[in-house]
Amino acid sequence: MTFLSGIGLIILRTLAGLLLGLVVLRVLLPLSGARFRNPICQLIYQLTNPLLVPMTRLLPNWRGLSVAGVVLAWLLAVMLNALILLLLGSALTLPLTLWLGTTTLIQFVIVLYFWTIIVYALLSFFSPDPRHPVVELLAVLATPVLRPFRRLPPHLPGIDLSPLWALLTLRLLQYTLAYIGLGSTLF
């Protein structure tokens, strides 16, 4: 790989992460019960509407899940992995590209939740305003994942260990997926 292709790869991965993050958040926010009036939610909706509104006519929502959003996120992951394979000079086969798109999307969601929980847990040390748009969004995304872990012992007064258990579970899930072959991504 040359110097310029390495720089192109860094730029592509950064832009791809932002794009994929927007679409994945568009799928996760309604499932998490995010308040539409949140300015960050409105921004995400405004940025993704031009692609998702026409797709939703073809692929309607199913039980609150944006099927069009999932398909768009998967297609983005497939296209971005294809571009990365081309930049690396690797052989581009359809099954490999489709597989890498699927694994990238799964890993991306796991990593997104991992970092969301870390930031949410760190913010709890500073007692931020719960009405702040970022804090509200982090709470809405992290709470459904943390809720089952809040019942696990030990129950210490004033200390919530659910982020620790959730992060451990996410890492174990990531390791398990990598072990069975769903963890090899280029992105």
Protein backbone atom coordinates (compact mmCIF):
# COMPACT_ATOMS: atom_id res chain seq x y z
CA MET A 1 0.00 0.00 0.00
CA THR A 2 1.34 3.41 -0.91
CA PHE A 3 1.34 6.48 1.28
CA LEU A 4 -1.52 8.10 -0.62
CA SER A 5 -3.68 4.98 -0.58
CA GLY A 6 -3.09 4.77 3.18
CA ILE A 7 -4.28 8.34 3.60
CA GLY A 8 -7.26 7.59 1.36
CA LEU A 9 -8.06 4.58 3.53
CA ILE A 10 -7.98 6.67 6.72
CA ILE A 11 -10.25 9.31 5.18
CA LEU A 12 -12.61 6.67 3.78
CA ARG A 13 -12.91 4.88 7.13
CA THR A 14 -13.58 8.14 8.94
CA LEU A 15 -16.26 9.29 6.50
CA ALA A 16 -17.73 5.79 6.39
CA GLY A 17 -17.94 5.69 10.18
CA LEU A 18 -19.82 8.98 10.23
CA LEU A 19 -22.21 7.92 7.47
CA LEU A 20 -22.83 4.49 8.93
CA GLY A 21 -23.25 6.02 12.38
CA LEU A 22 -25.95 8.36 11.12
CA VAL A 23 -27.95 5.56 9.53
CA VAL A 24 -27.50 3.16 12.46
CA LEU A 25 -28.58 5.87 14.90
CA ARG A 26 -31.60 6.57 12.70
CA VAL A 27 -32.60 2.93 13.16
CA LEU A 28 -31.77 2.73 16.89
CA LEU A 29 -33.26 6.02 18.11
CA PRO A 30 -36.95 5.17 17.49
CA LEU A 31 -36.39 1.68 18.92
CA SER A 32 -34.90 3.22 22.07
CA GLY A 33 -37.77 5.66 22.46
CA ALA A 34 -35.75 8.80 21.78
CA ARG A 35 -37.65 12.06 21.94
CA PHE A 36 -38.07 13.44 18.43
CA ARG A 37 -37.79 17.03 19.69
CA ASN A 38 -34.17 16.44 20.70
CA PRO A 39 -32.07 18.64 18.37
CA ILE A 40 -29.59 15.83 17.72
CA CYS A 41 -32.41 13.48 16.73
CA GLN A 42 -33.82 16.14 14.43
CA LEU A 43 -30.41 16.58 12.80
CA ILE A 44 -30.06 12.82 12.27
CA TYR A 45 -33.54 12.65 10.76
CA GLN A 46 -32.90 15.63 8.47
CA LEU A 47 -29.63 14.15 7.22
CA THR A 48 -31.06 10.68 6.59
CA ASN A 49 -34.53 11.56 5.29
CA PRO A 50 -33.48 12.15 1.64
CA LEU A 51 -32.42 8.50 1.35
CA LEU A 52 -34.74 6.80 3.81
CA VAL A 53 -38.10 8.36 2.97
CA PRO A 54 -38.15 6.99 -0.61
CA MET A 55 -36.80 3.63 0.59
CA THR A 56 -39.49 3.42 3.29
CA ARG A 57 -42.15 3.47 0.57
CA LEU A 58 -40.62 0.27 -0.82
CA LEU A 59 -39.61 -1.26 2.52
CA PRO A 60 -42.11 -0.22 5.20
CA ASN A 61 -41.33 -0.30 8.90
CA TRP A 62 -41.95 -3.55 10.73
CA ARG A 63 -42.95 -3.38 14.41
CA GLY A 64 -41.16 -0.08 14.88
CA LEU A 65 -38.01 -1.25 13.11
CA SER A 66 -36.96 0.78 10.09
CA VAL A 67 -36.36 -2.01 7.57
CA ALA A 68 -35.26 0.59 5.03
CA GLY A 69 -32.74 1.93 7.55
CA VAL A 70 -31.32 -1.53 8.21
CA VAL A 71 -31.04 -2.22 4.47
CA LEU A 72 -29.43 1.17 3.86
CA ALA A 73 -26.93 0.62 6.68
CA TRP A 74 -26.09 -2.82 5.30
CA LEU A 75 -25.72 -1.48 1.74
CA LEU A 76 -23.43 1.28 3.02
CA ALA A 77 -21.32 -1.27 4.88
CA VAL A 78 -21.11 -3.46 1.77
CA MET A 79 -20.13 -0.55 -0.49
CA LEU A 80 -17.57 0.78 1.96
CA ASN A 81 -15.98 -2.63 2.39
CA ALA A 82 -15.83 -2.96 -1.40
CA LEU A 83 -14.05 0.39 -1.63
CA ILE A 84 -11.63 -0.62 1.11
CA LEU A 85 -10.89 -3.92 -0.65
CA LEU A 86 -10.24 -2.02 -3.87
CA LEU A 87 -7.92 0.44 -2.10
CA LEU A 88 -6.02 -2.45 -0.54
CA GLY A 89 -5.74 -4.15 -3.93
CA SER A 90 -7.51 -7.29 -2.73
CA ALA A 91 -9.65 -9.53 -4.86
CA LEU A 92 -13.24 -8.32 -4.89
CA THR A 93 -15.76 -11.16 -4.82
CA LEU A 94 -19.47 -10.70 -4.21
CA PRO A 95 -19.80 -13.27 -1.37
CA LEU A 96 -16.81 -11.82 0.48
CA THR A 97 -18.06 -8.26 0.10
CA LEU A 98 -21.58 -9.18 1.26
CA TRP A 99 -20.18 -11.12 4.22
CA LEU A 100 -17.86 -8.28 5.24
CA GLY A 101 -20.78 -5.83 4.99
CA THR A 102 -22.82 -7.97 7.36
CA THR A 103 -20.01 -8.43 9.86
CA THR A 104 -19.12 -4.74 9.70
CA LEU A 105 -22.67 -3.74 10.52
CA ILE A 106 -22.93 -6.14 13.46
CA GLN A 107 -19.56 -5.08 14.87
CA PHE A 108 -20.39 -1.41 14.33
CA VAL A 109 -23.56 -1.67 16.42
CA ILE A 110 -21.70 -3.50 19.21
CA VAL A 111 -18.92 -0.90 19.26
CA LEU A 112 -21.46 1.94 19.15
CA TYR A 113 -23.22 0.57 22.22
CA PHE A 114 -19.89 -0.10 23.95
CA TRP A 115 -18.75 3.51 23.61
CA THR A 116 -22.21 4.89 24.35
CA ILE A 117 -22.23 3.04 27.66
CA ILE A 118 -18.68 4.14 28.51
CA VAL A 119 -19.45 7.81 27.86
CA TYR A 120 -22.80 7.55 29.68
CA ALA A 121 -21.12 5.97 32.72
CA LEU A 122 -18.33 8.56 32.76
CA LEU A 123 -20.84 11.39 32.53
CA SER A 124 -22.56 10.10 35.65
CA PHE A 125 -19.50 11.19 37.67
CA PHE A 126 -20.11 14.83 36.71
CA SER A 127 -23.88 15.08 37.34
CA PRO A 128 -24.72 16.61 33.97
CA ASP A 129 -28.05 18.25 33.20
CA PRO A 130 -30.33 15.33 32.20
CA ARG A 131 -32.18 17.63 29.78
CA HIS A 132 -29.04 18.39 27.76
CA PRO A 133 -29.55 16.90 24.26
CA VAL A 134 -26.36 14.81 24.35
CA VAL A 135 -26.99 13.47 27.85
CA GLU A 136 -30.60 12.71 26.97
CA LEU A 137 -29.56 10.88 23.80
CA LEU A 138 -26.90 8.83 25.60
CA ALA A 139 -29.38 7.91 28.33
CA VAL A 140 -32.03 6.85 25.82
CA LEU A 141 -29.54 4.68 23.92
CA ALA A 142 -27.81 3.15 26.95
CA THR A 143 -30.80 2.50 29.23
CA PRO A 144 -32.37 -0.40 27.26
CA VAL A 145 -29.02 -2.19 27.26
CA LEU A 146 -28.29 -1.46 30.92
CA ARG A 147 -31.77 -2.31 32.26
CA PRO A 148 -31.33 -6.13 32.41
CA PHE A 149 -27.94 -5.75 34.11
CA ARG A 150 -29.29 -3.55 36.91
CA ARG A 151 -30.78 -6.63 38.57
CA LEU A 152 -27.42 -8.40 38.83
CA PRO A 153 -25.59 -8.47 42.17
CA PRO A 154 -23.74 -7.02 43.96
CA HIS A 155 -26.05 -4.14 44.84
CA LEU A 156 -23.86 -1.46 46.39
CA PRO A 157 -25.45 1.70 47.76
CA GLY A 158 -24.87 4.62 45.42
CA ILE A 159 -22.92 2.58 42.87
CA ASP A 160 -24.45 1.19 39.70
CA LEU A 161 -22.41 -1.73 38.36
CA SER A 162 -24.69 -2.33 35.37
CA PRO A 163 -22.30 -0.54 32.94
CA LEU A 164 -19.51 -2.90 34.01
CA TRP A 165 -21.66 -5.99 33.38
CA ALA A 166 -22.99 -4.59 30.09
CA LEU A 167 -19.50 -3.72 28.82
CA LEU A 168 -18.20 -7.15 29.79
CA THR A 169 -21.13 -8.78 27.97
CA LEU A 170 -20.58 -6.67 24.85
CA ARG A 171 -16.89 -7.59 24.80
CA LEU A 172 -17.71 -11.28 25.25
CA LEU A 173 -20.25 -11.01 22.44
CA GLN A 174 -17.66 -9.35 20.23
CA TYR A 175 -15.13 -12.07 21.04
CA THR A 176 -17.69 -14.82 20.40
CA LEU A 177 -18.67 -13.33 17.04
CA ALA A 178 -15.01 -13.04 16.06
CA TYR A 179 -14.43 -16.63 17.14
CA ILE A 180 -17.26 -17.99 14.98
CA GLY A 181 -16.21 -15.89 12.01
CA LEU A 182 -18.45 -12.86 12.29
CA GLY A 183 -15.75 -10.56 13.59
CA SER A 184 -13.44 -10.06 10.67
CA THR A 185 -14.14 -6.63 9.28
CA LEU A 186 -12.05 -4.25 7.26
CA PHE A 187 -13.82 -1.20 8.57
